[in-house]
């Protein structure tokens, strides 16, 4: 039997590959506006503080390869032809769609390496892919809006949190809280009917129930520098508030809006949140990130296959 040949379009944020690449990367994020030298230096310094440069690029490539191999091994109905596109670094989203076109692919499923949907995040990736496909012609792209409800995604995070939870003494568990976080976005998305905030809350509930943990909260991190209001509470401020108002002195951070160790996790959590905890004389723990974990890769594959109702 001849297999259907379908493109697997994996979309990610992207990151600089070296310190020399930071200004170009930053310029793309700012829509072509060249950042001031002090802004570039500030970002470079943050990278230096986590080891020199973000590991996101390599982790994304590893995830892409693992997903491509697994999804072709675990079913026989479709031959998935993989393509990877980034939002802010080459190969860009448009480059990946062009490569699909050149390979003769006329149908594809796109999945963004971000579990929650927002008009300002996942939708922006999919819009760029669809626009490129329309310009090239003869490509149909089936887009996945969100996949945080995938059972293996929930299981991965439950396992990851419990690995930290079981290291606590009975006394520490009494004063412990899990804080589920995602990247903050401008508050104006709420006026657009955007489900992003509700999806984070639902994610936290699903994972906490699976893990059997009742002491949990949701918060936001890594807000941008624009003057408009961003979703809150900010995780650093909220850590202080929870310590002051509820007496929590052990904090387990679960950045479930992210899928890999990168700047926002290694700096904003492991350095900045840890400093807050140290100042409060509280214990800091951070659940391990998905990266290329087998269960996580299976969760992404399930989301792709479910989009086309493919038998597993």
Protein backbone atom coordinates (compact mmCIF):
# COMPACT_ATOMS: atom_id res chain seq x y z
CA UNK A 1 0.00 0.00 0.00
CA UNK A 2 1.32 3.42 -0.95
CA UNK A 3 1.56 5.76 2.02
CA UNK A 4 0.17 9.26 1.97
CA UNK A 5 3.04 11.73 1.92
CA UNK A 6 2.34 14.67 4.22
CA UNK A 7 4.56 17.48 5.42
CA UNK A 8 5.29 17.80 9.12
CA UNK A 9 5.84 21.52 9.65
CA UNK A 10 7.41 22.14 13.06
CA UNK A 11 7.51 25.82 14.06
CA UNK A 12 9.58 27.32 16.87
CA UNK A 13 10.67 30.68 18.25
CA UNK A 14 14.33 30.43 17.32
CA UNK A 15 17.38 31.81 19.13
CA UNK A 16 20.80 33.25 18.27
CA UNK A 17 23.55 30.75 17.53
CA UNK A 18 26.37 32.93 18.89
CA UNK A 19 26.95 36.21 20.69
CA UNK A 20 27.69 37.84 17.33
CA UNK A 21 24.20 36.84 16.18
CA UNK A 22 22.39 38.57 19.06
CA UNK A 23 21.92 42.00 17.42
CA UNK A 24 20.49 40.53 14.20
CA UNK A 25 18.17 38.30 16.24
CA UNK A 26 17.06 41.19 18.45
CA UNK A 27 16.46 43.37 15.38
CA UNK A 28 14.13 40.74 13.92
CA UNK A 29 12.18 40.54 17.18
CA UNK A 30 11.73 44.32 17.02
CA UNK A 31 10.32 44.09 13.52
CA UNK A 32 13.43 45.41 11.79
CA UNK A 33 14.16 48.24 14.23
CA UNK A 34 17.80 48.07 15.31
CA UNK A 35 18.01 47.95 19.13
CA UNK A 36 20.13 50.45 21.01
CA UNK A 37 23.66 49.20 21.84
CA UNK A 38 22.86 49.05 25.56
CA UNK A 39 19.85 46.83 24.85
CA UNK A 40 22.01 44.43 22.86
CA UNK A 41 24.66 44.39 25.57
CA UNK A 42 22.04 43.73 28.23
CA UNK A 43 20.76 40.71 26.32
CA UNK A 44 24.28 39.45 25.71
CA UNK A 45 25.02 39.72 29.42
CA UNK A 46 21.96 37.63 30.25
CA UNK A 47 23.18 34.95 27.84
CA UNK A 48 26.62 35.04 29.45
CA UNK A 49 25.02 34.47 32.84
CA UNK A 50 23.41 31.23 31.64
CA UNK A 51 26.59 29.91 30.06
CA UNK A 52 27.26 31.97 26.95
CA UNK A 53 24.28 31.45 24.65
CA UNK A 54 20.85 29.83 24.79
CA UNK A 55 20.71 26.03 24.34
CA UNK A 56 17.30 26.44 22.67
CA UNK A 57 18.58 26.09 19.11
CA UNK A 58 20.15 22.68 19.74
CA UNK A 59 17.25 21.44 21.87
CA UNK A 60 14.75 22.45 19.18
CA UNK A 61 16.77 20.56 16.57
CA UNK A 62 16.89 17.50 18.84
CA UNK A 63 13.13 17.68 19.39
CA UNK A 64 12.55 18.02 15.66
CA UNK A 65 14.66 14.96 14.83
CA UNK A 66 13.14 12.86 17.63
CA UNK A 67 9.59 13.77 16.58
CA UNK A 68 10.30 13.09 12.90
CA UNK A 69 11.72 9.64 13.65
CA UNK A 70 9.08 8.64 16.18
CA UNK A 71 6.01 9.70 14.20
CA UNK A 72 7.17 7.69 11.18
CA UNK A 73 7.99 4.61 13.25
CA UNK A 74 4.78 4.40 15.26
CA UNK A 75 2.26 4.27 12.39
CA UNK A 76 2.22 2.99 8.82
CA UNK A 77 -0.52 5.08 7.24
CA UNK A 78 1.47 8.25 6.44
CA UNK A 79 5.00 9.10 5.40
CA UNK A 80 5.71 12.30 7.29
CA UNK A 81 8.23 14.58 5.59
CA UNK A 82 9.64 16.95 8.23
CA UNK A 83 10.42 20.66 7.87
CA UNK A 84 11.53 23.09 10.58
CA UNK A 85 10.89 26.84 10.57
CA UNK A 86 11.69 29.53 13.14
CA UNK A 87 9.92 32.77 13.94
CA UNK A 88 13.02 34.90 14.43
CA UNK A 89 15.99 33.00 12.98
CA UNK A 90 16.78 31.14 9.77
CA UNK A 91 15.40 28.92 8.49
CA UNK A 92 12.32 31.08 8.92
CA UNK A 93 8.71 29.87 8.79
CA UNK A 94 8.52 30.99 5.16
CA UNK A 95 11.73 29.13 4.30
CA UNK A 96 10.25 25.88 5.63
CA UNK A 97 7.05 26.33 3.61
CA UNK A 98 9.10 27.08 0.50
CA UNK A 99 11.13 23.90 1.07
CA UNK A 100 7.90 21.92 1.30
CA UNK A 101 6.74 23.40 -1.97
CA UNK A 102 10.04 22.57 -3.66
CA UNK A 103 9.78 18.99 -2.36
CA UNK A 104 6.38 18.62 -4.00
CA UNK A 105 4.44 18.49 -0.71
CA UNK A 106 0.83 19.58 -1.19
CA UNK A 107 -0.54 18.81 2.28
CA UNK A 108 0.97 19.39 5.71
CA UNK A 109 0.22 19.61 9.41
CA UNK A 110 1.85 22.44 11.34
CA UNK A 111 2.57 22.33 15.05
CA UNK A 112 4.07 25.17 17.04
CA UNK A 113 6.40 24.21 19.89
CA UNK A 114 4.20 26.07 22.36
CA UNK A 115 1.33 24.18 24.02
CA UNK A 116 -1.10 27.07 24.52
CA UNK A 117 -2.93 29.10 21.90
CA UNK A 118 -2.87 32.86 21.67
CA UNK A 119 -3.63 35.27 18.86
CA UNK A 120 -0.24 36.87 19.56
CA UNK A 121 1.79 33.66 19.67
CA UNK A 122 0.64 30.45 17.96
CA UNK A 123 -1.70 32.29 15.60
CA UNK A 124 1.14 34.51 14.38
CA UNK A 125 3.20 31.46 13.39
CA UNK A 126 0.30 29.82 11.60
CA UNK A 127 -0.65 33.03 9.81
CA UNK A 128 2.86 33.33 8.40
CA UNK A 129 2.83 29.70 7.27
CA UNK A 130 -0.60 30.05 5.65
CA UNK A 131 0.38 33.27 3.90
CA UNK A 132 3.51 31.65 2.48
CA UNK A 133 1.51 28.63 1.35
CA UNK A 134 -1.08 30.87 -0.35
CA UNK A 135 1.61 32.77 -2.21
CA UNK A 136 3.25 29.56 -3.44
CA UNK A 137 -0.04 27.82 -4.20
CA UNK A 138 -1.08 24.17 -4.08
CA UNK A 139 -0.28 23.61 -0.36
CA UNK A 140 -2.92 22.88 2.25
CA UNK A 141 -1.76 23.32 5.85
CA UNK A 142 -3.76 21.87 8.74
CA UNK A 143 -2.88 23.95 11.80
CA UNK A 144 -2.92 22.83 15.43
CA UNK A 145 -3.99 25.63 17.75
CA UNK A 146 -3.08 24.07 21.11
CA UNK A 147 -2.07 20.72 22.53
CA UNK A 148 -1.75 21.26 26.31
CA UNK A 149 -4.54 18.75 26.90
CA UNK A 150 -2.60 15.85 25.38
CA UNK A 151 -2.49 13.08 27.98
CA UNK A 152 1.25 12.47 27.67
CA UNK A 153 1.97 16.18 28.00
CA UNK A 154 0.03 16.22 31.27
CA UNK A 155 1.78 13.03 32.37
CA UNK A 156 5.24 14.40 31.60
CA UNK A 157 4.70 17.47 33.78
CA UNK A 158 3.08 15.46 36.55
CA UNK A 159 6.11 13.15 36.63
CA UNK A 160 8.54 16.07 36.48
CA UNK A 161 6.90 17.87 39.39
CA UNK A 162 6.61 14.73 41.50
CA UNK A 163 10.34 14.10 41.03
CA UNK A 164 10.93 17.35 42.92
CA UNK A 165 8.06 16.88 45.36
CA UNK A 166 9.35 13.53 46.59
CA UNK A 167 12.67 15.11 47.59
CA UNK A 168 10.89 17.24 50.20
CA UNK A 169 10.55 16.34 53.83
CA UNK A 170 7.06 16.09 55.33
CA UNK A 171 7.57 19.49 56.95
CA UNK A 172 8.66 21.06 53.66
CA UNK A 173 5.62 19.63 51.88
CA UNK A 174 3.35 21.40 54.36
CA UNK A 175 4.81 24.75 53.30
CA UNK A 176 5.33 23.95 49.59
CA UNK A 177 3.54 25.34 46.55
CA UNK A 178 3.84 24.57 42.85
CA UNK A 179 3.72 27.69 40.66
CA UNK A 180 2.70 27.00 37.07
CA UNK A 181 3.91 29.70 34.68
CA UNK A 182 3.82 30.71 31.04
CA UNK A 183 5.24 33.65 29.11
CA UNK A 184 3.23 36.78 29.83
CA UNK A 185 1.51 38.60 26.98
CA UNK A 186 -0.11 42.05 26.80
CA UNK A 187 -3.37 42.20 28.72
CA UNK A 188 -5.20 43.45 25.63
CA UNK A 189 -5.53 39.84 24.45
CA UNK A 190 -8.30 39.40 27.02
CA UNK A 191 -10.43 41.98 25.20
CA UNK A 192 -9.95 39.88 22.05
CA UNK A 193 -11.51 36.83 23.70
CA UNK A 194 -8.12 35.11 23.68
CA UNK A 195 -8.14 31.77 25.59
CA UNK A 196 -4.46 31.93 26.60
CA UNK A 197 -5.02 32.80 30.27
CA UNK A 198 -7.76 30.19 30.73
CA UNK A 199 -5.63 27.54 29.04
CA UNK A 200 -2.80 28.04 31.53
CA UNK A 201 -5.25 27.67 34.41
CA UNK A 202 -6.69 24.51 32.88
CA UNK A 203 -3.19 23.12 32.32
CA UNK A 204 -2.33 23.70 35.97
CA UNK A 205 -5.52 21.98 37.10
CA UNK A 206 -4.97 18.94 34.86
CA UNK A 207 -1.36 18.46 35.96
CA UNK A 208 -2.00 19.11 39.64
CA UNK A 209 -4.87 16.62 39.67
CA UNK A 210 -2.71 14.02 37.92
CA UNK A 211 0.11 14.60 40.42
CA UNK A 212 -2.26 14.63 43.40
CA UNK A 213 -1.03 18.04 44.54
CA UNK A 214 -3.49 20.57 45.98
CA UNK A 215 -1.09 23.41 46.76
CA UNK A 216 -0.62 25.16 43.46
CA UNK A 217 -0.94 28.57 41.82
CA UNK A 218 -0.64 30.10 38.35
CA UNK A 219 1.45 33.10 37.44
CA UNK A 220 3.23 34.80 34.54
CA UNK A 221 6.84 35.44 33.71
CA UNK A 222 9.23 37.06 31.22
CA UNK A 223 6.97 40.00 30.36
CA UNK A 224 8.19 42.31 27.60
CA UNK A 225 9.48 45.82 28.09
CA UNK A 226 6.62 47.76 26.50
CA UNK A 227 4.68 50.20 28.68
CA UNK A 228 1.29 48.54 28.13
CA UNK A 229 -0.10 46.30 30.89
CA UNK A 230 0.93 42.63 30.71
CA UNK A 231 -0.76 39.58 32.18
CA UNK A 232 -0.03 39.14 35.87
CA UNK A 233 0.75 38.52 38.59
CA UNK A 234 4.42 38.41 37.73
CA UNK A 235 5.99 35.27 39.17
CA UNK A 236 8.67 37.11 41.14
CA UNK A 237 6.20 39.46 42.80
CA UNK A 238 3.81 36.58 43.36
CA UNK A 239 6.50 34.52 45.07
CA UNK A 240 6.94 37.29 47.63
CA UNK A 241 3.18 37.64 48.03
CA UNK A 242 2.64 33.91 48.59
CA UNK A 243 5.44 33.83 51.15
CA UNK A 244 4.00 36.84 52.97
CA UNK A 245 0.29 36.01 52.83
CA UNK A 246 0.22 32.19 52.86
CA UNK A 247 3.52 31.36 54.51
CA UNK A 248 4.87 29.22 51.70
CA UNK A 249 8.60 28.65 52.10
CA UNK A 250 9.22 25.96 49.47
CA UNK A 251 8.56 26.88 45.84
CA UNK A 252 8.47 24.44 42.92
CA UNK A 253 8.34 26.30 39.61
CA UNK A 254 6.77 24.56 36.62
CA UNK A 255 7.20 26.69 33.46
CA UNK A 256 4.59 24.71 31.53
CA UNK A 257 4.25 27.34 28.81
CA UNK A 258 7.74 26.49 27.59
CA UNK A 259 9.05 23.23 26.12
CA UNK A 260 12.80 23.56 26.61
CA UNK A 261 15.54 24.99 28.75
CA UNK A 262 16.32 28.42 27.36
CA UNK A 263 16.85 32.00 28.45
CA UNK A 264 13.44 32.53 30.03
CA UNK A 265 13.83 29.41 32.17
CA UNK A 266 17.57 29.45 32.88
CA UNK A 267 17.67 33.17 33.66
CA UNK A 268 14.17 34.25 34.69
CA UNK A 269 13.55 31.15 36.81
CA UNK A 270 16.89 29.66 37.82
CA UNK A 271 18.58 32.99 38.53
CA UNK A 272 15.91 35.60 39.23
CA UNK A 273 13.27 33.46 40.96
CA UNK A 274 15.98 31.66 42.89
CA UNK A 275 17.33 34.98 44.13
CA UNK A 276 13.86 35.90 45.37
CA UNK A 277 13.69 32.58 47.22
CA UNK A 278 17.16 33.09 48.67
CA UNK A 279 16.18 36.56 49.88
CA UNK A 280 13.10 35.05 51.54
CA UNK A 281 15.16 32.21 53.02
CA UNK A 282 12.86 29.89 51.06
CA UNK A 283 13.67 26.73 49.10
CA UNK A 284 13.83 26.96 45.30
CA UNK A 285 13.10 24.00 43.02
CA UNK A 286 12.33 23.95 39.31
CA UNK A 287 10.73 21.00 37.53
CA UNK A 288 12.79 19.54 34.68
CA UNK A 289 11.84 20.81 31.23
CA UNK A 290 10.52 18.55 28.44
CA UNK A 291 13.46 18.99 26.04
CA UNK A 292 13.64 15.68 24.13
CA UNK A 293 12.01 13.52 26.79
CA UNK A 294 10.41 10.48 25.14
CA UNK A 295 6.99 10.99 26.73
CA UNK A 296 6.96 14.61 25.60
CA UNK A 297 7.90 13.71 22.02
CA UNK A 298 5.08 11.17 22.01
CA UNK A 299 2.67 13.88 23.20
CA UNK A 300 3.55 16.12 20.25
CA UNK A 301 3.23 13.19 17.84
CA UNK A 302 -0.20 12.37 19.27
CA UNK A 303 -1.32 15.96 18.67
CA UNK A 304 -0.22 15.75 15.03
CA UNK A 305 -1.85 12.37 14.41
CA UNK A 306 -5.05 13.41 16.16
CA UNK A 307 -5.34 16.38 13.80
CA UNK A 308 -5.85 13.98 10.87
CA UNK A 309 -7.49 11.17 12.89
CA UNK A 310 -4.64 8.82 12.05
CA UNK A 311 -4.70 5.41 13.70
CA UNK A 312 -1.85 4.81 16.15
